[in-house]
């Protein structure tokens, strides 16, 4: 019984309509990247094994392929089900090395202590950096982040929770490496927001 349950979890729960679902998810993500801090609805088109959420699963299923290694945080590595689901539904290899990852999936952002442990790209190829997908429980209940930069009229505000420790300092360091640096995708409950590396955090009162 357990083998059958594991098998159904791994091989089921992907896109029922691969073209339509991936287009809808990609459109929402591109809108989020174009307007940092804005929140966009995501269709519920996947049913992945826990603790991978439907939103994060839809994003990785849309973005990853055989040429994009994926890194999973310890919370997602507790069982093989999440890894097997990703490999089956995307064809992407799973790497244990953060610096090799094209995409990273993080179920426990509060435990992610070093954004600079991932690939920041190079001056010649800044696009070879890691895009990190953070699973967050809310995009409105955390500490407010005041944002400025391309795609933002004056300022934007976003309040994701949870987030990596010392996030402000980590993001300032990431921004200082521009055009190198990681990009963040925030996968909320049925929604998505993004913090591209070009986005600046503004201190209160600045």
N, C-alpha and C. Protein backbone atom coordinates (compact mmCIF):
# COMPACT_ATOMS: atom_id res chain seq x y z
N UNK A 1 0.83 -1.21 0.00
CA UNK A 1 0.00 0.00 0.00
C UNK A 1 0.86 1.25 0.00
N UNK A 2 1.91 1.27 0.82
CA UNK A 2 2.75 2.46 0.88
C UNK A 2 3.45 2.71 -0.45
N UNK A 3 3.88 1.63 -1.12
CA UNK A 3 4.55 1.81 -2.41
C UNK A 3 3.59 2.39 -3.44
N UNK A 4 2.35 1.92 -3.42
CA UNK A 4 1.36 2.43 -4.36
C UNK A 4 1.05 3.89 -4.09
N UNK A 5 0.96 4.24 -2.80
CA UNK A 5 0.68 5.62 -2.44
C UNK A 5 1.82 6.53 -2.89
N UNK A 6 3.06 6.07 -2.65
CA UNK A 6 4.22 6.86 -3.05
C UNK A 6 4.23 7.03 -4.56
N UNK A 7 3.93 5.96 -5.29
CA UNK A 7 3.95 6.01 -6.74
C UNK A 7 2.91 7.00 -7.26
N UNK A 8 1.69 6.96 -6.72
CA UNK A 8 0.65 7.86 -7.21
C UNK A 8 1.00 9.30 -6.90
N UNK A 9 1.65 9.55 -5.76
CA UNK A 9 2.03 10.91 -5.40
C UNK A 9 3.05 11.45 -6.38
N UNK A 10 4.01 10.63 -6.75
CA UNK A 10 5.09 11.06 -7.63
C UNK A 10 4.61 11.26 -9.06
N UNK A 11 3.84 10.33 -9.58
CA UNK A 11 3.51 10.37 -10.99
C UNK A 11 2.23 11.13 -11.31
N UNK A 12 1.47 11.47 -10.30
CA UNK A 12 0.26 12.24 -10.51
C UNK A 12 0.47 13.67 -10.00
N UNK A 13 -0.51 14.50 -10.18
CA UNK A 13 -0.47 15.84 -9.63
C UNK A 13 0.23 16.86 -10.49
N UNK A 14 0.58 16.48 -11.74
CA UNK A 14 1.20 17.44 -12.66
C UNK A 14 0.14 18.20 -13.44
N UNK A 15 0.57 18.94 -14.46
CA UNK A 15 -0.36 19.71 -15.28
C UNK A 15 -1.29 18.79 -16.06
N UNK A 16 -2.60 18.96 -15.86
CA UNK A 16 -3.56 18.22 -16.68
C UNK A 16 -3.59 18.78 -18.10
N UNK A 17 -3.39 20.09 -18.21
CA UNK A 17 -3.32 20.78 -19.51
C UNK A 17 -1.96 21.47 -19.55
N UNK A 18 -0.91 20.75 -19.96
CA UNK A 18 0.45 21.31 -19.87
C UNK A 18 0.64 22.65 -20.56
N UNK A 19 0.09 22.81 -21.76
CA UNK A 19 0.29 24.07 -22.49
C UNK A 19 -0.47 25.21 -21.83
N UNK A 20 -1.75 25.01 -21.58
CA UNK A 20 -2.56 26.07 -20.99
C UNK A 20 -2.11 26.43 -19.58
N UNK A 21 -1.80 25.42 -18.77
CA UNK A 21 -1.38 25.67 -17.39
C UNK A 21 -0.06 26.41 -17.34
N UNK A 22 0.91 25.95 -18.13
CA UNK A 22 2.23 26.59 -18.09
C UNK A 22 2.15 28.02 -18.62
N UNK A 23 1.31 28.27 -19.61
CA UNK A 23 1.17 29.63 -20.13
C UNK A 23 0.57 30.56 -19.08
N UNK A 24 -0.43 30.07 -18.35
CA UNK A 24 -1.07 30.89 -17.30
C UNK A 24 -0.09 31.20 -16.18
N UNK A 25 0.67 30.19 -15.75
CA UNK A 25 1.63 30.38 -14.68
C UNK A 25 2.75 31.32 -15.13
N UNK A 26 3.24 31.11 -16.34
CA UNK A 26 4.33 31.94 -16.86
C UNK A 26 3.89 33.40 -16.99
N UNK A 27 2.67 33.62 -17.43
CA UNK A 27 2.17 34.99 -17.58
C UNK A 27 2.10 35.69 -16.22
N UNK A 28 1.61 34.99 -15.21
CA UNK A 28 1.54 35.57 -13.86
C UNK A 28 2.93 35.88 -13.34
N UNK A 29 3.88 34.98 -13.57
CA UNK A 29 5.25 35.19 -13.10
C UNK A 29 5.90 36.36 -13.82
N UNK A 30 5.72 36.47 -15.12
CA UNK A 30 6.32 37.57 -15.86
C UNK A 30 5.74 38.91 -15.41
N UNK A 31 4.44 38.95 -15.11
CA UNK A 31 3.85 40.17 -14.58
C UNK A 31 4.45 40.52 -13.22
N UNK A 32 4.68 39.51 -12.39
CA UNK A 32 5.28 39.74 -11.07
C UNK A 32 6.71 40.23 -11.20
N UNK A 33 7.47 39.68 -12.13
CA UNK A 33 8.85 40.11 -12.32
C UNK A 33 8.91 41.53 -12.89
N UNK A 34 7.97 41.85 -13.76
CA UNK A 34 7.97 43.17 -14.38
C UNK A 34 7.58 44.27 -13.40
N UNK A 35 6.79 43.91 -12.39
CA UNK A 35 6.34 44.88 -11.40
C UNK A 35 6.65 44.35 -10.00
N UNK A 36 7.90 44.46 -9.58
CA UNK A 36 8.30 43.92 -8.27
C UNK A 36 7.42 44.45 -7.14
N UNK A 37 7.05 43.55 -6.26
CA UNK A 37 6.20 43.91 -5.13
C UNK A 37 4.73 43.69 -5.38
N UNK A 38 4.33 43.55 -6.65
CA UNK A 38 2.93 43.30 -6.96
C UNK A 38 2.62 41.82 -6.80
N UNK A 39 1.38 41.51 -6.45
CA UNK A 39 0.95 40.13 -6.19
C UNK A 39 -0.01 39.70 -7.30
N UNK A 40 0.23 38.50 -7.83
CA UNK A 40 -0.56 38.01 -8.95
C UNK A 40 -1.10 36.61 -8.65
N UNK A 41 -2.35 36.39 -9.01
CA UNK A 41 -2.99 35.10 -8.75
C UNK A 41 -2.35 34.01 -9.60
N UNK A 42 -2.22 32.84 -8.99
CA UNK A 42 -1.74 31.65 -9.71
C UNK A 42 -2.87 30.63 -9.76
N UNK A 43 -3.09 30.02 -10.90
CA UNK A 43 -4.11 28.96 -10.96
C UNK A 43 -3.64 27.72 -10.20
N UNK A 44 -4.58 27.02 -9.61
CA UNK A 44 -4.25 25.78 -8.90
C UNK A 44 -4.24 24.66 -9.94
N UNK A 45 -3.04 24.33 -10.41
CA UNK A 45 -2.92 23.39 -11.53
C UNK A 45 -2.04 22.19 -11.19
N UNK A 46 -1.54 22.11 -9.94
CA UNK A 46 -0.73 20.96 -9.54
C UNK A 46 -1.19 20.46 -8.17
N UNK A 47 -0.84 19.22 -7.89
CA UNK A 47 -1.11 18.62 -6.58
C UNK A 47 0.13 17.83 -6.17
N UNK A 48 1.20 18.53 -5.74
CA UNK A 48 2.47 17.89 -5.45
C UNK A 48 2.48 17.24 -4.07
N UNK A 49 3.49 16.39 -3.80
CA UNK A 49 3.64 15.84 -2.46
C UNK A 49 4.11 16.92 -1.49
N UNK A 50 3.61 16.86 -0.26
CA UNK A 50 4.03 17.78 0.78
C UNK A 50 5.50 17.53 1.13
N UNK A 51 6.21 18.59 1.56
CA UNK A 51 5.74 19.95 1.84
C UNK A 51 5.83 20.91 0.65
N UNK A 52 6.03 20.41 -0.55
CA UNK A 52 6.01 21.28 -1.73
C UNK A 52 4.60 21.78 -1.95
N UNK A 53 4.42 23.10 -2.07
CA UNK A 53 3.09 23.66 -2.23
C UNK A 53 2.68 23.68 -3.70
N UNK A 54 1.38 23.83 -3.91
CA UNK A 54 0.87 23.86 -5.28
C UNK A 54 1.45 25.03 -6.07
N UNK A 55 1.60 26.18 -5.42
CA UNK A 55 2.13 27.35 -6.12
C UNK A 55 3.57 27.14 -6.54
N UNK A 56 4.40 26.69 -5.60
CA UNK A 56 5.81 26.46 -5.91
C UNK A 56 5.96 25.36 -6.95
N UNK A 57 5.12 24.34 -6.86
CA UNK A 57 5.18 23.24 -7.82
C UNK A 57 4.81 23.72 -9.22
N UNK A 58 3.79 24.57 -9.32
CA UNK A 58 3.40 25.11 -10.63
C UNK A 58 4.52 25.94 -11.23
N UNK A 59 5.21 26.71 -10.39
CA UNK A 59 6.30 27.54 -10.89
C UNK A 59 7.47 26.71 -11.38
N UNK A 60 7.88 25.72 -10.59
CA UNK A 60 9.04 24.91 -10.99
C UNK A 60 8.69 24.05 -12.20
N UNK A 61 7.43 23.59 -12.28
CA UNK A 61 7.03 22.79 -13.43
C UNK A 61 7.00 23.63 -14.71
N UNK A 62 6.77 24.92 -14.58
CA UNK A 62 6.76 25.83 -15.72
C UNK A 62 8.18 26.20 -16.14
N UNK A 63 9.08 26.39 -15.17
CA UNK A 63 10.40 26.95 -15.45
C UNK A 63 11.49 25.91 -15.72
N UNK A 64 11.46 24.80 -15.03
CA UNK A 64 12.58 23.86 -15.07
C UNK A 64 12.48 22.88 -16.23
N UNK A 65 13.65 22.45 -16.69
CA UNK A 65 13.71 21.41 -17.71
C UNK A 65 15.01 20.64 -17.54
N UNK A 66 15.33 19.81 -18.49
CA UNK A 66 16.49 18.92 -18.36
C UNK A 66 17.81 19.66 -18.26
N UNK A 67 17.84 20.93 -18.66
CA UNK A 67 19.09 21.70 -18.64
C UNK A 67 19.21 22.62 -17.44
N UNK A 68 18.28 22.53 -16.49
CA UNK A 68 18.29 23.46 -15.35
C UNK A 68 18.30 22.69 -14.03
N UNK A 69 19.47 22.48 -13.45
CA UNK A 69 19.54 21.77 -12.17
C UNK A 69 18.74 22.50 -11.08
N UNK A 70 18.09 21.72 -10.23
CA UNK A 70 17.26 22.25 -9.15
C UNK A 70 17.84 21.83 -7.80
N UNK A 71 17.92 22.78 -6.87
CA UNK A 71 18.36 22.50 -5.51
C UNK A 71 17.16 22.55 -4.58
N UNK A 72 17.10 21.60 -3.65
CA UNK A 72 16.01 21.54 -2.67
C UNK A 72 16.55 21.78 -1.28
N UNK A 73 15.84 22.57 -0.47
CA UNK A 73 16.30 22.79 0.90
C UNK A 73 16.02 21.55 1.76
N UNK A 74 16.59 21.47 2.95
CA UNK A 74 16.43 20.27 3.78
C UNK A 74 14.98 19.88 4.05
N UNK A 75 14.09 20.88 4.17
CA UNK A 75 12.69 20.56 4.42
C UNK A 75 12.07 19.77 3.27
N UNK A 76 12.49 20.06 2.05
CA UNK A 76 11.97 19.35 0.89
C UNK A 76 12.70 18.04 0.62
N UNK A 77 13.84 17.87 1.29
CA UNK A 77 14.65 16.67 1.09
C UNK A 77 14.40 15.60 2.13
N UNK A 78 13.42 15.83 3.01
CA UNK A 78 13.19 14.86 4.09
C UNK A 78 12.74 13.50 3.55
N UNK A 79 12.01 13.52 2.45
CA UNK A 79 11.65 12.28 1.78
C UNK A 79 12.03 12.41 0.31
N UNK A 80 12.00 11.32 -0.40
CA UNK A 80 12.36 11.36 -1.81
C UNK A 80 11.19 11.78 -2.70
N UNK A 81 10.00 11.92 -2.13
CA UNK A 81 8.81 12.15 -2.94
C UNK A 81 8.89 13.45 -3.73
N UNK A 82 9.35 14.53 -3.09
CA UNK A 82 9.41 15.82 -3.78
C UNK A 82 10.43 15.76 -4.91
N UNK A 83 11.61 15.24 -4.61
CA UNK A 83 12.64 15.10 -5.64
C UNK A 83 12.12 14.28 -6.81
N UNK A 84 11.50 13.14 -6.52
CA UNK A 84 11.01 12.27 -7.59
C UNK A 84 9.92 12.95 -8.40
N UNK A 85 9.06 13.73 -7.73
CA UNK A 85 7.99 14.43 -8.43
C UNK A 85 8.58 15.44 -9.40
N UNK A 86 9.56 16.21 -8.95
CA UNK A 86 10.18 17.23 -9.81
C UNK A 86 10.88 16.59 -11.01
N UNK A 87 11.64 15.54 -10.75
CA UNK A 87 12.36 14.87 -11.83
C UNK A 87 11.37 14.32 -12.86
N UNK A 88 10.29 13.71 -12.38
CA UNK A 88 9.33 13.10 -13.30
C UNK A 88 8.59 14.15 -14.13
N UNK A 89 8.16 15.24 -13.48
CA UNK A 89 7.30 16.21 -14.16
C UNK A 89 8.07 17.28 -14.92
N UNK A 90 9.36 17.46 -14.66
CA UNK A 90 10.12 18.50 -15.37
C UNK A 90 11.31 17.95 -16.13
N UNK A 91 11.82 16.79 -15.74
CA UNK A 91 13.04 16.26 -16.35
C UNK A 91 14.30 16.90 -15.81
N UNK A 92 14.16 17.84 -14.87
CA UNK A 92 15.32 18.54 -14.34
C UNK A 92 16.11 17.67 -13.37
N UNK A 93 17.43 17.72 -13.44
CA UNK A 93 18.24 17.02 -12.45
C UNK A 93 18.20 17.78 -11.12
N UNK A 94 18.30 17.06 -10.02
CA UNK A 94 18.36 17.67 -8.70
C UNK A 94 19.80 17.63 -8.21
N UNK A 95 20.31 18.78 -7.83
CA UNK A 95 21.69 18.88 -7.37
C UNK A 95 21.76 19.13 -5.87
N UNK A 96 22.82 18.67 -5.23
CA UNK A 96 23.02 18.94 -3.80
C UNK A 96 23.88 20.18 -3.60
N UNK A 97 24.37 20.76 -4.69
CA UNK A 97 25.26 21.91 -4.61
C UNK A 97 24.51 23.19 -4.97
N UNK A 98 24.40 24.11 -4.03
CA UNK A 98 23.69 25.36 -4.28
C UNK A 98 24.27 26.12 -5.48
N UNK A 99 25.58 26.12 -5.59
CA UNK A 99 26.24 26.91 -6.63
C UNK A 99 25.99 26.38 -8.04
N UNK A 100 25.49 25.15 -8.15
CA UNK A 100 25.22 24.56 -9.46
C UNK A 100 23.77 24.75 -9.90
N UNK A 101 22.93 25.25 -9.00
CA UNK A 101 21.49 25.27 -9.26
C UNK A 101 21.08 26.42 -10.16
N UNK A 102 20.26 26.12 -11.16
CA UNK A 102 19.60 27.16 -11.93
C UNK A 102 18.38 27.67 -11.16
N UNK A 103 17.73 26.74 -10.44
CA UNK A 103 16.60 27.08 -9.60
C UNK A 103 16.78 26.43 -8.24
N UNK A 104 16.31 27.11 -7.21
CA UNK A 104 16.31 26.56 -5.86
C UNK A 104 14.90 26.63 -5.31
N UNK A 105 14.48 25.58 -4.66
CA UNK A 105 13.17 25.53 -4.02
C UNK A 105 13.37 25.50 -2.51
N UNK A 106 12.74 26.43 -1.82
CA UNK A 106 12.95 26.58 -0.38
C UNK A 106 11.61 26.56 0.34
N UNK A 107 11.38 25.51 1.13
CA UNK A 107 10.13 25.39 1.89
C UNK A 107 10.23 26.08 3.24
N UNK A 108 11.45 26.30 3.74
CA UNK A 108 11.66 26.95 5.04
C UNK A 108 12.58 28.16 4.87
N UNK A 109 12.05 29.27 4.36
CA UNK A 109 12.89 30.44 4.14
C UNK A 109 13.60 30.94 5.39
N UNK A 110 12.98 30.74 6.55
CA UNK A 110 13.57 31.21 7.80
C UNK A 110 14.87 30.50 8.13
N UNK A 111 15.16 29.41 7.44
CA UNK A 111 16.40 28.66 7.67
C UNK A 111 17.45 28.90 6.59
N UNK A 112 17.13 29.75 5.62
CA UNK A 112 18.05 30.01 4.51
C UNK A 112 18.95 31.18 4.88
N UNK A 113 20.14 30.86 5.38
CA UNK A 113 20.98 31.89 5.99
C UNK A 113 21.92 32.59 5.01
N UNK A 114 22.07 32.07 3.80
CA UNK A 114 23.07 32.67 2.91
C UNK A 114 22.60 32.65 1.46
N UNK A 115 22.07 33.77 1.00
CA UNK A 115 21.70 33.87 -0.41
C UNK A 115 22.92 33.78 -1.31
N UNK A 116 24.06 34.26 -0.83
CA UNK A 116 25.25 34.26 -1.67
C UNK A 116 25.92 32.89 -1.78
N UNK A 117 25.29 31.88 -1.18
CA UNK A 117 25.77 30.52 -1.39
C UNK A 117 25.36 29.96 -2.74
N UNK A 118 24.41 30.62 -3.38
CA UNK A 118 23.96 30.21 -4.71
C UNK A 118 24.78 30.91 -5.78
N UNK A 119 24.61 30.47 -7.00
CA UNK A 119 25.33 31.11 -8.10
C UNK A 119 24.82 32.53 -8.31
N UNK A 120 25.75 33.47 -8.38
CA UNK A 120 25.41 34.87 -8.64
C UNK A 120 25.62 35.23 -10.11
N UNK A 121 26.00 34.25 -10.93
CA UNK A 121 26.33 34.53 -12.31
C UNK A 121 27.71 35.17 -12.41
N UNK A 122 28.06 35.62 -13.59
CA UNK A 122 29.34 36.29 -13.80
C UNK A 122 29.08 37.62 -14.47
N UNK A 123 30.09 38.47 -14.53
CA UNK A 123 29.93 39.75 -15.20
C UNK A 123 29.57 39.55 -16.67
N UNK A 124 30.18 38.52 -17.30
CA UNK A 124 29.91 38.25 -18.70
C UNK A 124 28.56 37.57 -18.89
N UNK A 125 28.16 36.71 -17.93
CA UNK A 125 26.91 35.96 -18.04
C UNK A 125 26.13 36.05 -16.73
N UNK A 126 25.57 37.23 -16.44
CA UNK A 126 24.83 37.38 -15.18
C UNK A 126 23.56 36.54 -15.14
N UNK A 127 23.08 36.10 -16.30
CA UNK A 127 21.87 35.28 -16.34
C UNK A 127 22.11 33.85 -15.85
N UNK A 128 23.36 33.51 -15.62
CA UNK A 128 23.67 32.16 -15.13
C UNK A 128 23.62 32.08 -13.60
N UNK A 129 22.79 32.91 -13.03
CA UNK A 129 22.63 32.91 -11.58
C UNK A 129 21.45 32.01 -11.20
N UNK A 130 21.28 31.81 -9.90
CA UNK A 130 20.19 30.98 -9.40
C UNK A 130 18.95 31.83 -9.17
N UNK A 131 17.82 31.31 -9.61
CA UNK A 131 16.53 31.88 -9.25
C UNK A 131 15.97 31.07 -8.09
N UNK A 132 15.68 31.75 -6.99
CA UNK A 132 15.25 31.08 -5.77
C UNK A 132 13.75 31.24 -5.58
N UNK A 133 13.05 30.13 -5.45
CA UNK A 133 11.62 30.12 -5.20
C UNK A 133 11.40 29.88 -3.71
N UNK A 134 10.90 30.89 -3.01
CA UNK A 134 10.62 30.78 -1.58
C UNK A 134 9.14 30.48 -1.38
N UNK A 135 8.84 29.42 -0.65
CA UNK A 135 7.47 29.15 -0.25
C UNK A 135 7.15 30.02 0.97
N UNK A 136 6.17 30.88 0.84
CA UNK A 136 5.79 31.73 1.96
C UNK A 136 4.33 31.48 2.31
N UNK A 137 4.01 31.63 3.59
CA UNK A 137 2.63 31.39 4.02
C UNK A 137 1.75 32.59 3.72
N UNK A 138 2.36 33.78 3.61
CA UNK A 138 1.60 34.99 3.35
C UNK A 138 2.48 36.02 2.64
N UNK A 139 1.86 36.86 1.85
CA UNK A 139 2.55 37.99 1.23
C UNK A 139 2.10 39.32 1.84
N UNK A 140 1.31 39.23 2.90
CA UNK A 140 0.76 40.44 3.52
C UNK A 140 0.95 40.50 5.03
N UNK A 141 1.37 39.44 5.68
CA UNK A 141 1.38 39.39 7.14
C UNK A 141 2.77 39.54 7.76
N UNK A 142 3.82 39.64 6.95
CA UNK A 142 5.17 39.76 7.48
C UNK A 142 5.59 41.20 7.68
N UNK A 143 6.87 41.39 7.98
CA UNK A 143 7.43 42.74 8.08
C UNK A 143 7.41 43.39 6.70
N UNK A 144 6.99 44.65 6.64
CA UNK A 144 6.85 45.33 5.37
C UNK A 144 8.20 45.62 4.74
N UNK A 145 8.33 45.31 3.46
CA UNK A 145 9.51 45.65 2.68
C UNK A 145 9.14 46.80 1.75
N UNK A 146 9.85 47.91 1.87
CA UNK A 146 9.64 49.04 0.98
C UNK A 146 10.60 48.89 -0.20
N UNK A 147 10.05 48.94 -1.40
CA UNK A 147 10.82 48.61 -2.59
C UNK A 147 10.88 49.78 -3.57
N UNK A 148 12.03 49.89 -4.24
CA UNK A 148 12.22 50.83 -5.34
C UNK A 148 13.00 50.12 -6.44
N UNK A 149 12.92 50.67 -7.64
CA UNK A 149 13.72 50.13 -8.73
C UNK A 149 12.91 50.00 -10.01
N UNK A 150 13.50 49.39 -11.02
CA UNK A 150 12.82 49.23 -12.31
C UNK A 150 11.47 48.51 -12.16
N UNK A 151 10.46 49.04 -12.84
CA UNK A 151 9.14 48.44 -12.79
C UNK A 151 8.27 48.94 -11.65
N UNK A 152 8.83 49.82 -10.79
CA UNK A 152 8.09 50.32 -9.63
C UNK A 152 7.91 51.83 -9.78
N UNK A 153 6.68 52.30 -9.68
CA UNK A 153 6.41 53.73 -9.68
C UNK A 153 6.63 54.25 -8.26
N UNK A 154 7.66 55.04 -8.09
CA UNK A 154 8.03 55.59 -6.79
C UNK A 154 8.40 54.47 -5.82
N UNK A 155 7.45 53.92 -5.07
CA UNK A 155 7.73 52.84 -4.13
C UNK A 155 6.62 51.80 -4.18
N UNK A 156 6.98 50.58 -3.79
CA UNK A 156 6.01 49.51 -3.61
C UNK A 156 6.26 48.89 -2.23
N UNK A 157 5.28 48.17 -1.75
CA UNK A 157 5.41 47.53 -0.44
C UNK A 157 4.93 46.09 -0.53
N UNK A 158 5.65 45.22 0.14
CA UNK A 158 5.31 43.80 0.17
C UNK A 158 5.66 43.28 1.56
N UNK A 159 4.84 42.37 2.09
CA UNK A 159 5.05 41.90 3.47
C UNK A 159 5.04 40.37 3.53
N UNK A 160 6.04 39.72 2.92
CA UNK A 160 6.04 38.26 2.90
C UNK A 160 6.47 37.66 4.25
N UNK A 161 5.98 36.46 4.51
CA UNK A 161 6.34 35.75 5.74
C UNK A 161 6.20 34.25 5.51
N UNK A 162 7.24 33.47 5.93
CA UNK A 162 8.51 33.88 6.52
C UNK A 162 9.53 34.27 5.44
N UNK A 163 10.62 34.88 5.91
CA UNK A 163 11.71 35.27 5.02
C UNK A 163 13.04 34.84 5.62
N UNK A 164 14.11 34.82 4.81
CA UNK A 164 15.43 34.43 5.34
C UNK A 164 15.88 35.38 6.45
N UNK A 165 16.67 34.88 7.39
CA UNK A 165 17.16 35.73 8.48
C UNK A 165 18.05 36.85 7.95
N UNK A 166 18.00 38.00 8.65
CA UNK A 166 18.81 39.16 8.26
C UNK A 166 18.60 39.48 6.77
N UNK A 167 17.33 39.42 6.34
CA UNK A 167 17.07 39.54 4.92
C UNK A 167 17.51 40.88 4.35
N UNK A 168 17.30 41.95 5.09
CA UNK A 168 17.67 43.26 4.56
C UNK A 168 19.15 43.31 4.23
N UNK A 169 20.00 42.85 5.15
CA UNK A 169 21.44 42.87 4.91
C UNK A 169 21.81 41.95 3.76
N UNK A 170 21.19 40.78 3.70
CA UNK A 170 21.47 39.84 2.61
C UNK A 170 21.08 40.44 1.25
N UNK A 171 19.93 41.11 1.23
CA UNK A 171 19.48 41.66 -0.05
C UNK A 171 20.32 42.85 -0.48
N UNK A 172 20.75 43.65 0.48
CA UNK A 172 21.63 44.77 0.15
C UNK A 172 22.92 44.26 -0.49
N UNK A 173 23.47 43.18 0.05
CA UNK A 173 24.68 42.59 -0.52
C UNK A 173 24.41 42.03 -1.91
N UNK A 174 23.26 41.42 -2.09
CA UNK A 174 22.90 40.88 -3.40
C UNK A 174 22.74 42.01 -4.41
N UNK A 175 22.11 43.09 -3.99
CA UNK A 175 21.91 44.24 -4.89
C UNK A 175 23.24 44.88 -5.26
N UNK A 176 24.20 44.86 -4.33
CA UNK A 176 25.50 45.47 -4.58
C UNK A 176 26.29 44.72 -5.65
N UNK A 177 25.95 43.45 -5.88
CA UNK A 177 26.65 42.64 -6.87
C UNK A 177 26.10 42.85 -8.28
N UNK A 178 25.05 43.64 -8.43
CA UNK A 178 24.40 43.83 -9.73
C UNK A 178 25.42 44.24 -10.81
N UNK A 179 25.36 43.66 -12.02
CA UNK A 179 24.28 42.86 -12.59
C UNK A 179 24.25 41.39 -12.18
N UNK A 180 25.25 40.99 -11.38
CA UNK A 180 25.20 39.65 -10.83
C UNK A 180 24.18 39.62 -9.69
N UNK A 181 23.86 38.42 -9.22
CA UNK A 181 22.96 38.30 -8.09
C UNK A 181 21.82 37.34 -8.34
N UNK A 182 21.19 36.87 -7.27
CA UNK A 182 20.05 35.97 -7.38
C UNK A 182 18.77 36.78 -7.56
N UNK A 183 17.76 36.13 -8.13
CA UNK A 183 16.41 36.68 -8.20
C UNK A 183 15.52 35.84 -7.28
N UNK A 184 14.56 36.48 -6.62
CA UNK A 184 13.65 35.77 -5.73
C UNK A 184 12.24 35.74 -6.30
N UNK A 185 11.64 34.55 -6.25
CA UNK A 185 10.23 34.38 -6.56
C UNK A 185 9.54 33.95 -5.27
N UNK A 186 8.50 34.65 -4.87
CA UNK A 186 7.79 34.37 -3.63
C UNK A 186 6.49 33.65 -3.97
N UNK A 187 6.43 32.38 -3.62
CA UNK A 187 5.27 31.56 -3.93
C UNK A 187 4.34 31.54 -2.72
N UNK A 188 3.30 32.35 -2.80
CA UNK A 188 2.31 32.38 -1.72
C UNK A 188 1.20 31.38 -1.97
N UNK A 189 0.16 31.48 -1.20
CA UNK A 189 -0.97 30.56 -1.36
C UNK A 189 -1.79 31.01 -2.58
N UNK A 190 -1.66 30.29 -3.67
CA UNK A 190 -2.37 30.60 -4.92
C UNK A 190 -2.00 31.97 -5.50
N UNK A 191 -0.77 32.43 -5.22
CA UNK A 191 -0.35 33.72 -5.75
C UNK A 191 1.18 33.77 -5.81
N UNK A 192 1.68 34.78 -6.53
CA UNK A 192 3.12 34.90 -6.70
C UNK A 192 3.52 36.37 -6.71
N UNK A 193 4.69 36.66 -6.15
CA UNK A 193 5.31 37.98 -6.24
C UNK A 193 6.79 37.73 -6.52
N UNK A 194 7.51 38.80 -6.85
CA UNK A 194 8.92 38.60 -7.21
C UNK A 194 9.76 39.78 -6.75
N UNK A 195 11.02 39.47 -6.47
CA UNK A 195 12.03 40.48 -6.17
C UNK A 195 13.22 40.21 -7.10
N UNK A 196 13.23 40.81 -8.28
CA UNK A 196 14.40 40.70 -9.14
C UNK A 196 15.60 41.36 -8.48
N UNK A 197 16.78 40.98 -8.92
CA UNK A 197 18.01 41.50 -8.31
C UNK A 197 18.15 43.01 -8.46
N UNK A 198 17.43 43.60 -9.40
CA UNK A 198 17.49 45.05 -9.61
C UNK A 198 16.68 45.83 -8.58
N UNK A 199 15.88 45.14 -7.78
CA UNK A 199 15.01 45.80 -6.80
C UNK A 199 15.82 46.22 -5.58
N UNK A 200 15.59 47.44 -5.12
CA UNK A 200 16.26 47.97 -3.93
C UNK A 200 15.30 47.99 -2.74
N UNK A 201 15.83 47.66 -1.56
CA UNK A 201 15.08 47.82 -0.33
C UNK A 201 15.35 49.21 0.23
N UNK A 202 14.30 49.86 0.68
CA UNK A 202 14.42 51.22 1.21
C UNK A 202 14.21 51.17 2.71
N UNK A 203 15.13 51.73 3.46
CA UNK A 203 14.98 51.78 4.92
C UNK A 203 13.87 52.75 5.29
N UNK A 204 13.19 52.45 6.38
CA UNK A 204 12.15 53.35 6.87
C UNK A 204 12.77 54.71 7.18
N UNK A 205 12.12 55.76 6.71
CA UNK A 205 12.60 57.10 6.99
C UNK A 205 13.62 57.60 5.99
N UNK A 206 14.03 56.71 5.03
CA UNK A 206 15.03 57.11 4.05
C UNK A 206 14.39 57.95 2.96
